């Protein structure tokens, strides 16, 4: 039997957020951007006392 230890504390998230670096993940349809240059913007919802938020992600080609 193989046992895998999974770290559920997300240490890299703590490092990045502790350095005031925003994390944007789980984006879809990025292949549609092809290999062109684009401008990326994200618009989070404001929740009081929350550590994260869903965003509206926008790519301007």
N, C-alpha and C. Protein backbone atom coordinates (compact mmCIF):
# COMPACT_ATOMS: atom_id res chain seq x y z
N UNK A 1 0.84 -1.18 0.00
CA UNK A 1 0.00 0.00 0.00
C UNK A 1 0.89 1.25 0.00
N UNK A 2 0.62 2.17 -0.92
CA UNK A 2 1.37 3.42 -1.00
C UNK A 2 0.56 4.51 -0.32
N UNK A 3 1.20 5.21 0.60
CA UNK A 3 0.54 6.31 1.30
C UNK A 3 1.16 7.62 0.84
N UNK A 4 0.33 8.57 0.48
CA UNK A 4 0.80 9.88 0.06
C UNK A 4 0.36 10.91 1.08
N UNK A 5 1.31 11.70 1.54
CA UNK A 5 1.00 12.76 2.48
C UNK A 5 0.66 14.01 1.69
N UNK A 6 -0.52 14.54 1.87
CA UNK A 6 -0.96 15.74 1.16
C UNK A 6 -0.96 16.91 2.15
N UNK A 7 -0.24 17.96 1.79
CA UNK A 7 -0.18 19.14 2.65
C UNK A 7 -1.36 20.04 2.31
N UNK A 8 -2.34 20.12 3.18
CA UNK A 8 -3.54 20.92 2.95
C UNK A 8 -3.41 22.34 3.47
N UNK A 9 -2.21 22.73 3.88
CA UNK A 9 -2.03 24.08 4.42
C UNK A 9 -1.62 25.08 3.33
N UNK A 10 -1.35 24.64 2.12
CA UNK A 10 -0.99 25.50 0.99
C UNK A 10 0.15 26.44 1.34
N UNK A 11 1.32 25.91 1.64
CA UNK A 11 2.42 26.78 2.08
C UNK A 11 2.83 27.83 1.05
N UNK A 12 2.81 27.52 -0.24
CA UNK A 12 3.20 28.52 -1.23
C UNK A 12 2.21 29.68 -1.26
N UNK A 13 0.93 29.40 -1.00
CA UNK A 13 -0.05 30.47 -0.92
C UNK A 13 0.30 31.44 0.21
N UNK A 14 0.69 30.89 1.35
CA UNK A 14 1.05 31.72 2.49
C UNK A 14 2.29 32.58 2.19
N UNK A 15 3.24 32.00 1.48
CA UNK A 15 4.46 32.75 1.13
C UNK A 15 4.12 33.90 0.19
N UNK A 16 3.36 33.61 -0.87
CA UNK A 16 3.03 34.65 -1.84
C UNK A 16 2.15 35.73 -1.23
N UNK A 17 1.10 35.33 -0.56
CA UNK A 17 0.19 36.31 0.03
C UNK A 17 0.88 37.12 1.13
N UNK A 18 1.80 36.48 1.84
CA UNK A 18 2.57 37.18 2.87
C UNK A 18 3.50 38.22 2.28
N UNK A 19 3.78 38.11 0.98
CA UNK A 19 4.62 39.08 0.27
C UNK A 19 3.78 40.02 -0.58
N UNK A 20 2.49 40.08 -0.29
CA UNK A 20 1.54 40.94 -1.03
C UNK A 20 1.49 40.62 -2.52
N UNK A 21 1.63 39.34 -2.87
CA UNK A 21 1.51 38.89 -4.26
C UNK A 21 0.14 38.23 -4.41
N UNK A 22 -0.63 38.73 -5.35
CA UNK A 22 -1.98 38.21 -5.59
C UNK A 22 -1.88 36.89 -6.36
N UNK A 23 -2.72 35.94 -6.02
CA UNK A 23 -2.77 34.64 -6.70
C UNK A 23 -4.05 34.57 -7.51
N UNK A 24 -3.91 34.27 -8.80
CA UNK A 24 -5.07 34.02 -9.67
C UNK A 24 -4.87 32.62 -10.24
N UNK A 25 -5.82 31.73 -9.98
CA UNK A 25 -5.67 30.35 -10.43
C UNK A 25 -6.98 29.78 -10.93
N UNK A 26 -6.89 28.64 -11.58
CA UNK A 26 -8.04 27.92 -12.11
C UNK A 26 -8.75 28.69 -13.22
N UNK A 27 -8.00 29.38 -14.07
CA UNK A 27 -8.58 30.09 -15.20
C UNK A 27 -8.89 29.09 -16.32
N UNK A 28 -9.91 29.37 -17.09
CA UNK A 28 -10.33 28.47 -18.18
C UNK A 28 -10.17 29.16 -19.54
N UNK A 29 -10.12 28.38 -20.58
CA UNK A 29 -10.10 28.85 -21.96
C UNK A 29 -8.88 29.69 -22.32
N UNK A 30 -7.78 29.50 -21.65
CA UNK A 30 -6.57 30.27 -21.95
C UNK A 30 -6.02 29.93 -23.34
N UNK A 31 -6.32 28.74 -23.84
CA UNK A 31 -5.86 28.36 -25.17
C UNK A 31 -6.45 29.27 -26.24
N UNK A 32 -7.57 29.89 -25.96
CA UNK A 32 -8.21 30.80 -26.92
C UNK A 32 -7.43 32.09 -27.10
N UNK A 33 -6.50 32.37 -26.22
CA UNK A 33 -5.68 33.57 -26.36
C UNK A 33 -4.58 33.39 -27.40
N UNK A 34 -4.39 32.16 -27.83
CA UNK A 34 -3.34 31.82 -28.79
C UNK A 34 -2.00 32.27 -28.23
N UNK A 35 -1.16 32.80 -29.06
CA UNK A 35 0.15 33.25 -28.57
C UNK A 35 0.30 34.75 -28.75
N UNK A 36 -0.79 35.45 -28.76
CA UNK A 36 -0.76 36.90 -28.91
C UNK A 36 -0.51 37.57 -27.56
N UNK A 37 0.00 38.79 -27.61
CA UNK A 37 0.14 39.57 -26.39
C UNK A 37 -1.25 40.01 -25.94
N UNK A 38 -1.46 40.09 -24.65
CA UNK A 38 -2.75 40.53 -24.13
C UNK A 38 -2.57 41.26 -22.81
N UNK A 39 -3.57 42.01 -22.44
CA UNK A 39 -3.61 42.71 -21.15
C UNK A 39 -4.59 41.95 -20.27
N UNK A 40 -4.17 41.62 -19.07
CA UNK A 40 -5.01 40.85 -18.16
C UNK A 40 -5.49 41.75 -17.02
N UNK A 41 -6.78 41.67 -16.74
CA UNK A 41 -7.36 42.37 -15.58
C UNK A 41 -8.26 41.40 -14.85
N UNK A 42 -8.36 41.58 -13.55
CA UNK A 42 -9.30 40.76 -12.78
C UNK A 42 -10.03 41.66 -11.79
N UNK A 43 -11.29 41.36 -11.63
CA UNK A 43 -12.17 42.18 -10.80
C UNK A 43 -12.78 41.31 -9.71
N UNK A 44 -12.22 41.37 -8.50
CA UNK A 44 -12.74 40.54 -7.41
C UNK A 44 -14.00 41.13 -6.79
N UNK A 45 -14.77 40.27 -6.19
CA UNK A 45 -15.91 40.71 -5.39
C UNK A 45 -15.37 41.11 -4.01
N UNK A 46 -16.01 42.06 -3.39
CA UNK A 46 -15.57 42.50 -2.07
C UNK A 46 -16.39 41.80 -0.99
N UNK A 47 -15.71 40.98 -0.21
CA UNK A 47 -16.34 40.32 0.93
C UNK A 47 -15.60 40.77 2.18
N UNK A 48 -16.33 41.21 3.19
CA UNK A 48 -15.70 41.60 4.44
C UNK A 48 -15.18 40.36 5.15
N UNK A 49 -14.03 40.49 5.74
CA UNK A 49 -13.40 39.44 6.54
C UNK A 49 -13.19 38.16 5.73
N UNK A 50 -12.85 38.28 4.45
CA UNK A 50 -12.58 37.11 3.61
C UNK A 50 -11.13 37.13 3.15
N UNK A 51 -10.58 35.96 2.97
CA UNK A 51 -9.22 35.85 2.50
C UNK A 51 -9.12 35.63 1.00
N UNK A 52 -10.25 35.55 0.32
CA UNK A 52 -10.23 35.32 -1.12
C UNK A 52 -11.58 35.68 -1.72
N UNK A 53 -11.65 35.59 -3.04
CA UNK A 53 -12.88 35.98 -3.72
C UNK A 53 -12.90 35.39 -5.12
N UNK A 54 -14.08 35.06 -5.63
CA UNK A 54 -14.19 34.78 -7.06
C UNK A 54 -13.90 36.07 -7.82
N UNK A 55 -13.41 35.95 -9.04
CA UNK A 55 -13.11 37.14 -9.83
C UNK A 55 -13.78 37.06 -11.20
N UNK A 56 -13.91 38.20 -11.83
CA UNK A 56 -14.24 38.26 -13.26
C UNK A 56 -12.91 38.50 -13.95
N UNK A 57 -12.42 37.53 -14.71
CA UNK A 57 -11.14 37.64 -15.40
C UNK A 57 -11.37 38.12 -16.83
N UNK A 58 -10.57 39.09 -17.26
CA UNK A 58 -10.73 39.69 -18.59
C UNK A 58 -9.36 39.75 -19.26
N UNK A 59 -9.31 39.31 -20.52
CA UNK A 59 -8.09 39.45 -21.32
C UNK A 59 -8.42 40.34 -22.50
N UNK A 60 -7.68 41.42 -22.65
CA UNK A 60 -7.87 42.33 -23.78
C UNK A 60 -6.76 42.11 -24.79
N UNK A 61 -7.15 41.70 -25.99
CA UNK A 61 -6.18 41.37 -27.04
C UNK A 61 -5.92 42.60 -27.88
